[in-house]
Amino acid sequence: MKQVCSKPTNASATCSLSWGRGSGRGRSFHDFLVASHPHNPPILLAGPTAVGKSAVALALAETIGGEIISVDSMQVYRGLDIGTAKPTAAERARVPHHLIDVVELTQPFDAAKFVTLANLALTEIQSRGHVPIFCGGTGLYFRAFLEGLGEAPPANPALRAELEATPLAELLQELEECDPAAFETIDRKNPRRVIRAIEVIRLTGKPFSAQRAAWSHAARMDPEDFQGTPHAFRFIGLTRAPADLRSRLDARVERMFSDGLVEETRRLLARGLEQNKTAMQAIGYRQVVEHLRGESALAGTIELVKARTRRFAKRQMTWFRKQPGIHWIELAPTDETNGIVEKLNLN
């Protein structure tokens, strides 16, 4: 039975995690900076897929004595290797990496778990006298780490199962009736996000859009607030000219297929890939699954993955452009990795 704009369905629902300054429910990122070693504050490195973040982070870590914390919502899953451009065993041997291969395909993972594990990694890295380097393209995870998750209620398994069994058209109709503002801005082709919005509305009895705005602004953290202090940290964004990035994106997709993405997906299906709706959102895997079902030819699948990857990179940049405090550096096609590290100007 559909429940529209009702009061909370779970009176005992509590926030999954609150990380905001002044929230009274948890420690802020500022608190961690103050408690951390003053000589090795973290460095945050963000940007769209294929811009070159991983290579830069690796070289930077070797240069300054750092360890890398992956900020990637898909690299946390064991087995999602080729399609997520996961660091190789050789790269992980050169520099310690964290938050990679932390859960099985059958296990859930979200921003709250990321923040918990990221803070553990941050503390461990600094205790060794090394520099934590956060590197990735999942904007939500960066924001959750810096600003907190506010009063977001945790997932309700029974309600989630009910919503997942409901046709997307019905879910969108309910969202439009309950929260027109959220309906206008949400990605309507992404069932996972639509389901989460309705889940929050039903659990709290309040519009999702209003709550999301409060979560985003309750604990705004700006790296510039700490520049010139012993606890200063850097938030760096890497970008490229559109034609350059597109060329790199297309080359990356072609390399993934030549490296065995189709066979990797075939193996993952046997391990339950399709049952994990979050993992199935990873670009490349869903399209290859459709190819393995006979719904598309391989050549068409490759071109589709290229198009979806380019679209994804644009969404990443839209997200990061709204994140305050990022110092943007545009890279040129001729830039070498070591030269890029020098451009970061971390002195």
Foldseek 3Di string as FASTA:
>chain_A
DDDFLDAAPDPPWWALKFAFPPPVGHHHVVNVLVVFDLVAAAAEEEAAPLLCQVLLVLVLCLVQVAAEEEPDPQQLEPLCDLLVVDDDPVSCVSHPYPSGPNDYLVDDDDLSNSLVRVSVVCRVQRVVVHHYYYTYQDLVNVLCNRHNQPTQTDDDVVLLVVLVPDDLVVLLVSLCVNAVVCSVPPPSVQSVVSSSQVRRCRNHSHHSVVRVVCSNPVHADALVVCPPHSSRYAHAYEAEDLVLSLVSLLVSLVVSVVVPLLVSLVVVVVVPNVVRSVNCVRQPSVLSVCVVVVNDPPVVSSVVSSVVSSVRSVVSVVSVVPRHHYHYDYDDPPDDSVNVNVVVVPD
